[in-house]
Each structure stands twice: as structure tokens, then as C-alpha cells.
């Protein structure tokens, strides 16, 4: 009886291991982190992953090889300030949209490209922002999003 039990545990372990190897971390992240929170610009809405801790903000969308259309990452800062971003270890072009405490767009950096050199440029407004939204490069142009527009942020 004990040898069969050992074999059963071994087979369960092998199956779990195979499933873990076959499911990429990117796929796990895609399915796990979406919060049902959204940011809308008129009728264009984006499902957002929230970055609220220093660790989440530091990593942002680094090392991701793709970002589904109409998805992004919303950074929520503790206070309005000049929050700069860079594209170090970011593998996909992004539009970065900064918003003030009233959800008004104060700055857009369009189609920022990945940075592959040791010292990367930083982007961002000189004035204070409460939020920053990273989306696929070209999203702002495609959806006619401009500085001065008002977003609606729905956090769930």
C-alpha cells in the first residue's frame, strides 16, 4: 500500500511541476493582477493594474514583452509631486500620461521607446502629478487624448 501512495504523490508532483513550467510567468501575471479598476477618457477605457507600493512602482511594466490592448498600469502616488519615469528594462514602447489630483491630464510622453543603455533619459512633468498611466505606445494618439482632458478613474 505504501509504494502506491508514494507513486501517487510522485505523479502529483510531476503534474504540478509540468503545469508550472508550461504556464509562463507572463501568463500568470496577465491573469492575476488585473483589478477590475479602469481609467476612462471619454468612451475609451483601459483596464489597469495598480502600482501603489514603492516596489510595484519601481518595477512598473519592466521586462514585459507585451501589453494587451486597452490595458495599462496606473501609478497612484501618495502626494502630488514631479514624478519622473524612465524606460530602463522596459521592452515595449509606451505612452505615459500624468494626471493631477483632479484627474486632469497635465503631461503626455508619447511612444517612449525602450532604453538599452546604462543611463536612460527620464520623462515627466515639472508640475505635480497624483497619477501616471502607462499604456501601449500610440494609445493617446489613436484615442485623441490631449493635455487638459479629464479622465475618470474607477478603482475597485
N, C-alpha and C. Protein backbone atom coordinates (compact mmCIF):
# COMPACT_ATOMS: atom_id res chain seq x y z
N UNK A 1 0.81 -1.19 0.00
CA UNK A 1 0.00 0.00 0.00
C UNK A 1 0.86 1.26 0.00
N UNK A 2 1.90 1.27 0.79
CA UNK A 2 2.75 2.46 0.84
C UNK A 2 3.45 2.76 -0.47
N UNK A 3 3.91 1.73 -1.22
CA UNK A 3 4.54 2.05 -2.51
C UNK A 3 3.56 2.74 -3.47
N UNK A 4 2.30 2.36 -3.46
CA UNK A 4 1.32 3.01 -4.34
C UNK A 4 1.08 4.46 -3.92
N UNK A 5 1.07 4.72 -2.62
CA UNK A 5 0.90 6.08 -2.11
C UNK A 5 2.09 6.95 -2.52
N UNK A 6 3.28 6.40 -2.44
CA UNK A 6 4.48 7.15 -2.87
C UNK A 6 4.41 7.45 -4.36
N UNK A 7 3.97 6.48 -5.14
CA UNK A 7 3.85 6.68 -6.58
C UNK A 7 2.81 7.76 -6.88
N UNK A 8 1.69 7.74 -6.16
CA UNK A 8 0.66 8.76 -6.36
C UNK A 8 1.19 10.16 -6.05
N UNK A 9 1.89 10.32 -4.93
CA UNK A 9 2.48 11.62 -4.60
C UNK A 9 3.50 12.06 -5.64
N UNK A 10 4.30 11.11 -6.11
CA UNK A 10 5.29 11.42 -7.14
C UNK A 10 4.60 11.91 -8.41
N UNK A 11 3.54 11.23 -8.85
CA UNK A 11 2.83 11.63 -10.06
C UNK A 11 2.17 13.00 -9.89
N UNK A 12 1.60 13.26 -8.75
CA UNK A 12 1.01 14.58 -8.48
C UNK A 12 2.08 15.66 -8.56
N UNK A 13 3.23 15.39 -7.96
CA UNK A 13 4.34 16.34 -8.01
C UNK A 13 4.78 16.61 -9.46
N UNK A 14 4.91 15.55 -10.25
CA UNK A 14 5.33 15.70 -11.65
C UNK A 14 4.31 16.52 -12.43
N UNK A 15 3.03 16.26 -12.23
CA UNK A 15 1.99 17.00 -12.94
C UNK A 15 2.03 18.48 -12.56
N UNK A 16 2.15 18.77 -11.27
CA UNK A 16 2.24 20.17 -10.82
C UNK A 16 3.47 20.83 -11.41
N UNK A 17 4.60 20.15 -11.41
CA UNK A 17 5.83 20.70 -11.97
C UNK A 17 5.67 21.02 -13.46
N UNK A 18 5.09 20.09 -14.21
CA UNK A 18 4.89 20.30 -15.65
C UNK A 18 3.97 21.50 -15.88
N UNK A 19 2.88 21.59 -15.14
CA UNK A 19 1.98 22.73 -15.29
C UNK A 19 2.68 24.03 -14.97
N UNK A 20 3.50 24.04 -13.92
CA UNK A 20 4.24 25.25 -13.55
C UNK A 20 5.19 25.67 -14.66
N UNK A 21 5.87 24.73 -15.27
CA UNK A 21 6.83 25.03 -16.34
C UNK A 21 6.10 25.52 -17.59
N UNK A 22 4.95 24.91 -17.89
CA UNK A 22 4.23 25.27 -19.11
C UNK A 22 3.54 26.63 -19.02
N UNK A 23 3.15 27.05 -17.83
CA UNK A 23 2.47 28.33 -17.67
C UNK A 23 3.53 29.38 -17.38
N UNK A 24 3.73 30.28 -18.33
CA UNK A 24 4.78 31.28 -18.18
C UNK A 24 4.43 32.30 -17.11
N UNK A 25 5.42 32.91 -16.47
CA UNK A 25 5.15 33.99 -15.51
C UNK A 25 4.36 35.13 -16.14
N UNK A 26 4.58 35.40 -17.42
CA UNK A 26 3.85 36.46 -18.12
C UNK A 26 2.36 36.14 -18.16
N UNK A 27 2.03 34.88 -18.44
CA UNK A 27 0.63 34.46 -18.49
C UNK A 27 0.00 34.52 -17.10
N UNK A 28 0.73 34.09 -16.09
CA UNK A 28 0.22 34.16 -14.73
C UNK A 28 -0.06 35.62 -14.36
N UNK A 29 0.88 36.52 -14.68
CA UNK A 29 0.72 37.94 -14.36
C UNK A 29 -0.49 38.50 -15.10
N UNK A 30 -0.65 38.12 -16.36
CA UNK A 30 -1.76 38.64 -17.16
C UNK A 30 -3.10 38.26 -16.54
N UNK A 31 -3.19 37.07 -16.00
CA UNK A 31 -4.46 36.61 -15.43
C UNK A 31 -4.65 37.03 -13.99
N UNK A 32 -3.59 37.34 -13.27
CA UNK A 32 -3.70 37.50 -11.83
C UNK A 32 -3.81 38.94 -11.35
N UNK A 33 -3.20 39.90 -12.03
CA UNK A 33 -3.06 41.21 -11.44
C UNK A 33 -4.13 42.21 -11.83
N UNK A 34 -4.94 41.91 -12.80
CA UNK A 34 -5.93 42.88 -13.23
C UNK A 34 -6.98 43.01 -12.14
N UNK A 35 -7.25 44.23 -11.77
CA UNK A 35 -8.01 44.52 -10.55
C UNK A 35 -9.45 44.92 -10.83
N UNK A 36 -9.86 44.93 -12.07
CA UNK A 36 -11.17 45.46 -12.46
C UNK A 36 -11.23 46.97 -12.25
N UNK A 37 -10.11 47.60 -12.04
CA UNK A 37 -10.04 49.06 -12.00
C UNK A 37 -9.87 49.56 -13.43
N UNK A 38 -10.42 50.72 -13.70
CA UNK A 38 -10.34 51.26 -15.05
C UNK A 38 -10.03 52.75 -15.03
N UNK A 39 -9.48 53.20 -16.14
CA UNK A 39 -9.30 54.62 -16.40
C UNK A 39 -9.97 54.89 -17.74
N UNK A 40 -10.85 55.89 -17.77
CA UNK A 40 -11.59 56.20 -18.99
C UNK A 40 -11.28 57.62 -19.47
N UNK A 41 -11.17 57.75 -20.76
CA UNK A 41 -11.03 59.03 -21.45
C UNK A 41 -12.19 59.09 -22.43
N UNK A 42 -13.25 59.78 -22.08
CA UNK A 42 -14.45 59.74 -22.92
C UNK A 42 -14.97 58.32 -22.95
N UNK A 43 -15.11 57.76 -24.15
CA UNK A 43 -15.61 56.38 -24.27
C UNK A 43 -14.49 55.35 -24.34
N UNK A 44 -13.24 55.78 -24.29
CA UNK A 44 -12.11 54.86 -24.33
C UNK A 44 -11.68 54.52 -22.91
N UNK A 45 -11.82 53.26 -22.54
CA UNK A 45 -11.47 52.83 -21.19
C UNK A 45 -10.34 51.81 -21.23
N UNK A 46 -9.55 51.81 -20.17
CA UNK A 46 -8.42 50.90 -20.05
C UNK A 46 -8.55 50.16 -18.73
N UNK A 47 -8.42 48.85 -18.77
CA UNK A 47 -8.31 48.06 -17.54
C UNK A 47 -6.90 48.26 -17.01
N UNK A 48 -6.78 48.56 -15.72
CA UNK A 48 -5.45 48.88 -15.20
C UNK A 48 -5.05 47.97 -14.05
N UNK A 49 -3.79 47.70 -14.05
CA UNK A 49 -3.10 47.08 -12.92
C UNK A 49 -2.64 48.25 -12.06
N UNK A 50 -2.81 48.16 -10.77
CA UNK A 50 -2.44 49.26 -9.89
C UNK A 50 -1.03 49.11 -9.37
N UNK A 51 -0.29 50.20 -9.36
CA UNK A 51 1.03 50.26 -8.74
C UNK A 51 0.91 51.28 -7.61
N UNK A 52 0.91 50.79 -6.37
CA UNK A 52 0.70 51.68 -5.23
C UNK A 52 1.84 51.62 -4.21
N UNK A 53 2.64 50.56 -4.25
CA UNK A 53 3.75 50.44 -3.30
C UNK A 53 5.05 50.86 -3.98
N UNK A 54 6.06 51.22 -3.22
CA UNK A 54 7.34 51.57 -3.84
C UNK A 54 7.90 50.45 -4.72
N UNK A 55 7.75 49.21 -4.30
CA UNK A 55 8.24 48.09 -5.11
C UNK A 55 7.51 47.96 -6.43
N UNK A 56 6.18 48.06 -6.39
CA UNK A 56 5.40 47.98 -7.62
C UNK A 56 5.72 49.14 -8.55
N UNK A 57 5.93 50.31 -7.97
CA UNK A 57 6.24 51.49 -8.79
C UNK A 57 7.63 51.40 -9.40
N UNK A 58 8.56 50.82 -8.68
CA UNK A 58 9.92 50.68 -9.20
C UNK A 58 9.95 49.74 -10.39
N UNK A 59 9.21 48.65 -10.31
CA UNK A 59 9.22 47.65 -11.38
C UNK A 59 8.33 48.07 -12.54
N UNK A 60 7.15 48.62 -12.23
CA UNK A 60 6.25 49.07 -13.29
C UNK A 60 6.01 48.01 -14.34
N UNK A 61 6.18 48.35 -15.59
CA UNK A 61 6.00 47.41 -16.70
C UNK A 61 7.33 46.87 -17.23
N UNK A 62 8.37 46.97 -16.42
CA UNK A 62 9.68 46.45 -16.83
C UNK A 62 9.60 44.96 -17.18
N UNK A 63 10.40 44.57 -18.14
CA UNK A 63 10.62 43.17 -18.52
C UNK A 63 9.39 42.48 -19.11
N UNK A 64 8.36 43.21 -19.43
CA UNK A 64 7.19 42.60 -20.08
C UNK A 64 7.37 42.68 -21.58
N UNK A 65 7.10 41.59 -22.24
CA UNK A 65 7.30 41.54 -23.69
C UNK A 65 6.07 42.00 -24.47
N UNK A 66 4.94 42.16 -23.78
CA UNK A 66 3.74 42.64 -24.45
C UNK A 66 2.79 43.21 -23.40
N UNK A 67 1.84 43.96 -23.87
CA UNK A 67 0.78 44.51 -23.04
C UNK A 67 -0.50 44.42 -23.85
N UNK A 68 -1.49 43.68 -23.35
CA UNK A 68 -2.73 43.57 -24.13
C UNK A 68 -3.32 44.94 -24.44
N UNK A 69 -3.97 45.03 -25.60
CA UNK A 69 -4.60 46.28 -26.00
C UNK A 69 -5.62 46.70 -24.95
N UNK A 70 -5.70 47.97 -24.69
CA UNK A 70 -6.63 48.55 -23.71
C UNK A 70 -6.37 48.07 -22.29
N UNK A 71 -5.11 47.80 -22.01
CA UNK A 71 -4.69 47.52 -20.64
C UNK A 71 -3.49 48.40 -20.34
N UNK A 72 -3.27 48.66 -19.05
CA UNK A 72 -2.15 49.50 -18.66
C UNK A 72 -1.88 49.39 -17.18
N UNK A 73 -1.00 50.25 -16.72
CA UNK A 73 -0.66 50.29 -15.30
C UNK A 73 -0.88 51.70 -14.80
N UNK A 74 -1.63 51.82 -13.70
CA UNK A 74 -1.90 53.11 -13.08
C UNK A 74 -1.06 53.22 -11.82
N UNK A 75 -0.22 54.23 -11.79
CA UNK A 75 0.61 54.53 -10.62
C UNK A 75 -0.15 55.54 -9.78
N UNK A 76 -0.33 55.23 -8.51
CA UNK A 76 -1.05 56.12 -7.60
C UNK A 76 -0.05 56.58 -6.54
N UNK A 77 0.31 57.86 -6.60
CA UNK A 77 1.32 58.41 -5.71
C UNK A 77 0.68 58.92 -4.42
N UNK A 78 1.43 58.90 -3.34
CA UNK A 78 0.92 59.38 -2.06
C UNK A 78 0.61 60.87 -2.09
N UNK A 79 1.40 61.60 -2.85
CA UNK A 79 1.19 63.05 -2.91
C UNK A 79 1.52 63.57 -4.30
N UNK A 80 0.94 64.72 -4.62
CA UNK A 80 1.26 65.35 -5.90
C UNK A 80 2.69 65.85 -5.86
N UNK A 81 3.43 65.48 -6.87
CA UNK A 81 4.82 65.90 -6.98
C UNK A 81 5.25 65.67 -8.43
N UNK A 82 6.48 66.05 -8.75
CA UNK A 82 7.02 65.80 -10.08
C UNK A 82 7.58 64.38 -10.10
N UNK A 83 6.81 63.44 -10.64
CA UNK A 83 7.20 62.04 -10.68
C UNK A 83 7.75 61.72 -12.07
N UNK A 84 9.03 61.44 -12.15
CA UNK A 84 9.69 61.15 -13.42
C UNK A 84 9.76 59.64 -13.66
N UNK A 85 9.72 59.25 -14.92
CA UNK A 85 9.81 57.85 -15.33
C UNK A 85 10.97 57.69 -16.29
N UNK A 86 11.46 56.45 -16.40
CA UNK A 86 12.45 56.11 -17.42
C UNK A 86 12.05 54.78 -18.02
N UNK A 87 12.72 54.40 -19.09
CA UNK A 87 12.36 53.19 -19.82
C UNK A 87 13.40 52.09 -19.67
N UNK A 88 14.23 52.16 -18.66
CA UNK A 88 15.24 51.13 -18.40
C UNK A 88 14.53 49.79 -18.17
N UNK A 89 15.00 48.77 -18.86
CA UNK A 89 14.46 47.40 -18.78
C UNK A 89 12.99 47.31 -19.19
N UNK A 90 12.48 48.31 -19.87
CA UNK A 90 11.13 48.25 -20.42
C UNK A 90 11.28 47.83 -21.88
N UNK A 91 10.57 46.79 -22.26
CA UNK A 91 10.80 46.16 -23.55
C UNK A 91 9.82 46.57 -24.64
N UNK A 92 8.79 47.35 -24.28
CA UNK A 92 7.77 47.74 -25.24
C UNK A 92 7.59 49.27 -25.22
N UNK A 93 7.29 49.89 -26.36
CA UNK A 93 7.03 51.33 -26.37
C UNK A 93 5.77 51.66 -25.58
N UNK A 94 5.81 52.75 -24.85
CA UNK A 94 4.68 53.14 -24.00
C UNK A 94 4.33 54.61 -24.19
N UNK A 95 3.05 54.92 -24.04
CA UNK A 95 2.60 56.28 -23.79
C UNK A 95 2.49 56.39 -22.28
N UNK A 96 2.98 57.48 -21.72
CA UNK A 96 2.85 57.72 -20.28
C UNK A 96 2.06 59.00 -20.11
N UNK A 97 0.96 58.90 -19.36
CA UNK A 97 0.03 60.00 -19.19
C UNK A 97 -0.01 60.36 -17.71
N UNK A 98 0.35 61.60 -17.37
CA UNK A 98 0.34 62.06 -15.98
C UNK A 98 -0.93 62.86 -15.73
N UNK A 99 -1.52 62.65 -14.55
CA UNK A 99 -2.77 63.33 -14.18
C UNK A 99 -2.60 63.96 -12.80
N UNK A 100 -3.31 65.07 -12.60
CA UNK A 100 -3.26 65.72 -11.29
C UNK A 100 -4.31 65.11 -10.36
N UNK A 101 -4.45 65.68 -9.20
CA UNK A 101 -5.38 65.17 -8.20
C UNK A 101 -6.84 65.23 -8.66
N UNK A 102 -7.13 66.10 -9.63
CA UNK A 102 -8.49 66.22 -10.18
C UNK A 102 -8.69 65.37 -11.42
N UNK A 103 -7.74 64.48 -11.70
CA UNK A 103 -7.77 63.56 -12.85
C UNK A 103 -7.67 64.28 -14.19
N UNK A 104 -7.09 65.46 -14.17
CA UNK A 104 -6.85 66.22 -15.40
C UNK A 104 -5.46 65.87 -15.92
N UNK A 105 -5.37 65.64 -17.22
CA UNK A 105 -4.09 65.30 -17.84
C UNK A 105 -3.20 66.54 -17.85
N UNK A 106 -2.01 66.41 -17.25
CA UNK A 106 -1.10 67.55 -17.21
C UNK A 106 0.12 67.36 -18.11
N UNK A 107 0.37 66.10 -18.55
CA UNK A 107 1.55 65.85 -19.38
C UNK A 107 1.40 64.49 -20.04
N UNK A 108 1.84 64.39 -21.29
CA UNK A 108 1.84 63.11 -22.00
C UNK A 108 3.21 62.94 -22.66
N UNK A 109 3.82 61.82 -22.43
CA UNK A 109 5.03 61.45 -23.16
C UNK A 109 4.61 60.33 -24.10
N UNK A 110 4.64 60.62 -25.39
CA UNK A 110 4.10 59.69 -26.38
C UNK A 110 5.16 58.76 -26.94
N UNK A 111 4.78 57.51 -27.05
CA UNK A 111 5.58 56.50 -27.73
C UNK A 111 7.03 56.45 -27.22
N UNK A 112 7.18 56.44 -25.90
CA UNK A 112 8.54 56.34 -25.33
C UNK A 112 9.11 54.96 -25.67
N UNK A 113 10.34 54.97 -26.10
CA UNK A 113 10.98 53.74 -26.58
C UNK A 113 11.81 53.08 -25.49
N UNK A 114 11.95 51.76 -25.57
CA UNK A 114 12.80 51.06 -24.60
C UNK A 114 14.20 51.64 -24.58
N UNK A 115 14.84 51.56 -23.42
CA UNK A 115 16.20 52.07 -23.26
C UNK A 115 17.14 50.90 -23.01
N UNK A 116 18.19 50.82 -23.82
CA UNK A 116 19.13 49.70 -23.72
C UNK A 116 20.53 50.15 -23.31
N UNK A 117 20.67 51.39 -22.88
CA UNK A 117 21.98 51.89 -22.45
C UNK A 117 21.99 52.03 -20.93
N UNK A 118 23.17 52.13 -20.33
CA UNK A 118 23.24 52.17 -18.85
C UNK A 118 22.52 53.36 -18.22
N UNK A 119 22.59 54.53 -18.85
CA UNK A 119 21.95 55.72 -18.28
C UNK A 119 20.84 56.15 -19.23
N UNK A 120 19.60 56.08 -18.77
CA UNK A 120 18.43 56.37 -19.60
C UNK A 120 17.87 57.74 -19.26
N UNK A 121 17.24 58.36 -20.25
CA UNK A 121 16.56 59.64 -20.05
C UNK A 121 15.35 59.44 -19.16
N UNK A 122 14.96 60.51 -18.47
CA UNK A 122 13.73 60.47 -17.68
C UNK A 122 12.69 61.37 -18.34
N UNK A 123 11.42 61.04 -18.08
CA UNK A 123 10.31 61.77 -18.68
C UNK A 123 9.33 62.14 -17.58
N UNK A 124 8.66 63.27 -17.76
CA UNK A 124 7.61 63.63 -16.82
C UNK A 124 7.44 65.12 -16.70
N UNK A 125 6.37 65.51 -16.05
CA UNK A 125 6.07 66.93 -15.90
C UNK A 125 6.91 67.58 -14.82
N UNK A 126 7.06 68.86 -14.92
CA UNK A 126 7.72 69.62 -13.85
C UNK A 126 6.72 69.91 -12.72
N UNK A 127 5.45 69.99 -13.08
CA UNK A 127 4.43 70.24 -12.06
C UNK A 127 4.00 68.94 -11.41
N UNK A 128 3.21 69.05 -10.36
CA UNK A 128 2.84 67.90 -9.57
C UNK A 128 1.79 67.01 -10.23
N UNK A 129 2.00 65.70 -10.10
CA UNK A 129 1.01 64.74 -10.57
C UNK A 129 0.68 63.79 -9.42
N UNK A 130 -0.55 63.33 -9.41
CA UNK A 130 -1.01 62.35 -8.42
C UNK A 130 -1.04 60.95 -9.01
N UNK A 131 -1.20 60.89 -10.34
CA UNK A 131 -1.30 59.61 -11.04
C UNK A 131 -0.42 59.64 -12.30
N UNK A 132 0.00 58.45 -12.71
CA UNK A 132 0.61 58.28 -14.02
C UNK A 132 0.06 56.98 -14.59
N UNK A 133 -0.22 56.99 -15.87
CA UNK A 133 -0.79 55.84 -16.54
C UNK A 133 0.13 55.42 -17.67
N UNK A 134 0.57 54.17 -17.65
CA UNK A 134 1.37 53.61 -18.74
C UNK A 134 0.46 52.72 -19.59
N UNK A 135 0.47 53.00 -20.90
CA UNK A 135 -0.33 52.24 -21.86
C UNK A 135 0.54 51.97 -23.08
N UNK A 136 0.06 51.14 -23.98
CA UNK A 136 0.80 50.86 -25.20
C UNK A 136 1.10 52.14 -25.96
N UNK A 137 2.28 52.20 -26.54
CA UNK A 137 2.66 53.34 -27.37
C UNK A 137 1.65 53.55 -28.48
N UNK A 138 1.24 54.79 -28.70
CA UNK A 138 0.27 55.13 -29.74
C UNK A 138 -1.16 55.21 -29.25
N UNK A 139 -1.42 54.77 -28.01
CA UNK A 139 -2.78 54.79 -27.48
C UNK A 139 -3.34 56.20 -27.42
N UNK A 140 -2.55 57.14 -26.93
CA UNK A 140 -3.04 58.52 -26.78
C UNK A 140 -3.41 59.12 -28.13
N UNK A 141 -2.56 58.92 -29.13
CA UNK A 141 -2.86 59.46 -30.47
C UNK A 141 -4.10 58.78 -31.06
N UNK A 142 -4.15 57.47 -30.97
CA UNK A 142 -5.27 56.71 -31.52
C UNK A 142 -6.60 57.16 -30.91
N UNK A 143 -6.60 57.50 -29.63
CA UNK A 143 -7.82 57.87 -28.93
C UNK A 143 -7.97 59.37 -28.73
N UNK A 144 -7.10 60.15 -29.41
CA UNK A 144 -7.17 61.62 -29.40
C UNK A 144 -7.16 62.18 -27.98
N UNK A 145 -6.27 61.65 -27.17
CA UNK A 145 -6.12 62.09 -25.78
C UNK A 145 -5.10 63.21 -25.74
N UNK A 146 -5.46 64.32 -25.11
CA UNK A 146 -4.62 65.51 -25.09
C UNK A 146 -4.47 66.05 -23.67
N UNK A 147 -3.40 66.83 -23.46
CA UNK A 147 -3.22 67.55 -22.20
C UNK A 147 -4.44 68.44 -22.00
N UNK A 148 -4.96 68.46 -20.77
CA UNK A 148 -6.16 69.24 -20.44
C UNK A 148 -7.42 68.39 -20.39
N UNK A 149 -7.40 67.21 -21.04
CA UNK A 149 -8.55 66.30 -20.96
C UNK A 149 -8.70 65.81 -19.54
N UNK A 150 -9.91 65.43 -19.21
CA UNK A 150 -10.21 64.88 -17.88
C UNK A 150 -10.45 63.39 -18.01
N UNK A 151 -9.80 62.62 -17.17
CA UNK A 151 -10.00 61.17 -17.11
C UNK A 151 -10.99 60.86 -16.00
N UNK A 152 -11.51 59.66 -16.03
CA UNK A 152 -12.31 59.15 -14.92
C UNK A 152 -11.62 57.88 -14.44
N UNK A 153 -11.24 57.88 -13.18
CA UNK A 153 -10.53 56.74 -12.60
C UNK A 153 -11.50 56.01 -11.68
N UNK A 154 -11.66 54.72 -11.94
CA UNK A 154 -12.53 53.86 -11.15
C UNK A 154 -11.67 52.76 -10.51
N UNK A 155 -11.44 52.87 -9.21
CA UNK A 155 -10.62 51.89 -8.51
C UNK A 155 -11.53 50.97 -7.72
N UNK A 156 -11.38 49.69 -7.96
CA UNK A 156 -12.19 48.69 -7.26
C UNK A 156 -11.34 47.83 -6.36
